[in-house]
Protein backbone atom coordinates (compact mmCIF):
# COMPACT_ATOMS: atom_id res chain seq x y z
CA MET A 1 -62.32 8.10 -156.98
CA ASP A 2 -62.22 7.94 -153.51
CA ILE A 3 -63.46 10.54 -151.06
CA ALA A 4 -63.00 10.78 -147.59
CA ILE A 5 -65.86 12.77 -145.31
CA VAL A 6 -63.71 14.29 -142.63
CA GLY A 7 -65.11 16.76 -139.39
CA LEU A 8 -65.04 16.64 -135.75
CA PRO A 9 -67.66 14.81 -134.00
CA GLN A 10 -71.48 15.30 -134.04
CA SER A 11 -70.89 17.76 -137.11
CA GLY A 12 -73.05 15.99 -139.50
CA LYS A 13 -70.32 13.45 -141.43
CA THR A 14 -73.00 10.64 -141.21
CA ALA A 15 -75.90 12.68 -142.66
CA THR A 16 -73.84 14.19 -145.48
CA PHE A 17 -72.64 10.31 -146.06
CA ASN A 18 -76.11 9.71 -146.44
CA ALA A 19 -77.51 12.40 -148.29
CA LEU A 20 -74.11 11.61 -150.88
CA THR A 21 -74.69 7.73 -151.01
CA SER A 22 -78.55 8.02 -150.60
CA GLY A 23 -77.67 5.54 -147.58
CA HIS A 24 -78.93 4.90 -144.37
CA ALA A 25 -75.49 4.27 -142.23
CA THR A 26 -75.64 4.67 -138.75
CA THR A 27 -73.28 5.95 -136.23
CA GLU A 28 -73.10 2.98 -134.26
CA GLY A 29 -69.67 1.73 -133.20
CA GLY A 30 -68.35 4.45 -131.82
CA SER A 31 -64.51 5.39 -132.66
CA ALA A 32 -63.35 1.86 -132.62
CA GLY A 33 -66.64 1.47 -135.61
CA PRO A 34 -65.46 0.55 -139.39
CA VAL A 35 -65.28 2.92 -142.01
CA GLN A 36 -68.50 2.87 -144.01
CA VAL A 37 -68.29 2.75 -147.75
CA GLY A 38 -71.00 3.99 -150.23
CA VAL A 39 -70.84 3.91 -154.13
CA VAL A 40 -72.22 6.16 -156.40
CA LYS A 41 -72.20 6.16 -160.05
CA VAL A 42 -71.98 8.76 -161.94
CA VAL A 43 -74.20 8.74 -165.02
CA ASP A 44 -73.67 10.70 -167.65
CA GLN A 45 -75.57 11.08 -170.76
CA ARG A 46 -72.84 12.24 -173.05
CA LEU A 47 -71.33 8.55 -172.33
CA SER A 48 -74.61 7.22 -173.03
CA VAL A 49 -74.59 9.00 -176.59
CA LEU A 50 -70.89 7.97 -177.45
CA GLY A 51 -72.11 4.64 -176.48
CA GLN A 52 -75.02 4.24 -179.33
CA MET A 53 -73.14 5.88 -181.85
CA TYR A 54 -70.04 3.73 -181.43
CA HIS A 55 -71.64 0.46 -180.24
CA PRO A 56 -68.99 -0.77 -177.78
CA ARG A 57 -69.40 -4.18 -175.94
CA LYS A 58 -69.25 -2.54 -172.70
CA VAL A 59 -70.35 1.05 -171.39
CA VAL A 60 -68.90 1.80 -167.83
CA TYR A 61 -69.90 4.43 -165.57
CA ALA A 62 -67.53 6.38 -163.37
CA GLU A 63 -67.90 5.80 -159.59
CA ILE A 64 -67.21 7.70 -156.79
CA LYS A 65 -66.88 6.20 -153.14
CA PHE A 66 -67.19 7.60 -150.46
CA TRP A 67 -65.73 6.91 -146.90
CA ASP A 68 -67.62 8.03 -143.66
CA LEU A 69 -64.68 7.59 -141.16
CA PRO A 70 -65.71 6.82 -137.44
CA PRO A 71 -65.37 9.74 -135.22
CA ALA A 72 -62.13 10.50 -133.24
CA PRO A 73 -61.95 8.89 -129.74
CA ALA A 74 -63.27 11.48 -127.21
CA GLU A 75 -59.22 12.25 -125.59
CA LYS A 76 -58.53 13.56 -129.41
CA THR A 77 -61.70 15.54 -129.75
CA GLN A 78 -60.79 17.11 -126.50
CA ARG A 79 -57.70 18.73 -127.79
CA ASN A 80 -59.37 19.48 -131.08
CA GLN A 81 -57.66 17.05 -133.01
CA VAL A 82 -60.10 15.37 -135.61
CA LEU A 83 -57.64 12.88 -136.87
CA SER A 84 -56.10 9.97 -134.86
CA GLY A 85 -53.10 7.86 -136.05
CA ARG A 86 -56.04 5.28 -137.42
CA HIS A 87 -57.48 7.61 -139.03
CA ARG A 88 -54.62 9.28 -140.93
CA ASN A 89 -53.64 5.70 -142.12
CA ILE A 90 -56.76 5.30 -143.30
CA LEU A 91 -56.62 8.61 -145.33
CA GLN A 92 -53.65 7.60 -147.01
CA GLY A 93 -55.51 5.84 -149.44
CA ALA A 94 -57.84 8.52 -150.48
CA ASP A 95 -58.12 10.52 -153.68
CA SER A 96 -59.82 13.77 -151.89
CA LEU A 97 -61.01 15.03 -148.71
CA LEU A 98 -64.57 16.32 -147.94
CA LEU A 99 -64.17 18.20 -145.07
CA VAL A 100 -67.77 18.77 -142.79
CA VAL A 101 -67.74 22.02 -140.62
CA ARG A 102 -69.99 22.65 -138.03
CA ALA A 103 -72.09 25.54 -138.78
CA PHE A 104 -73.56 25.59 -135.06
CA GLU A 105 -72.66 25.96 -131.20
CA ASP A 106 -71.95 22.67 -129.16
CA ASP A 107 -74.99 22.88 -126.26
CA LEU A 108 -73.06 20.32 -124.31
CA GLN A 109 -69.92 23.42 -123.71
CA GLY A 110 -71.02 25.52 -120.93
């Protein structure tokens, strides 16, 4: 399953990505930066028990891929548009979206 993390700049998308993937992603690169991908294996004890019972050749756990998208360009965020055309193209391949919402005021806006 591929989950894309979206939200306004400075809303905590990369922090959420790092928490979910135990990663150390940075926010370098700006809006032209690459999409960072983190893969998390979903270890299910029920699958382990079934593997011990039936002795398959291989036990494959589910995987979740989290995508940390770069922030939208500044001119887009001034009009409260979170997604640029590049973002929409990338999101077509995602199975679901994880929306990060800011729960604080932006100190830079007077």
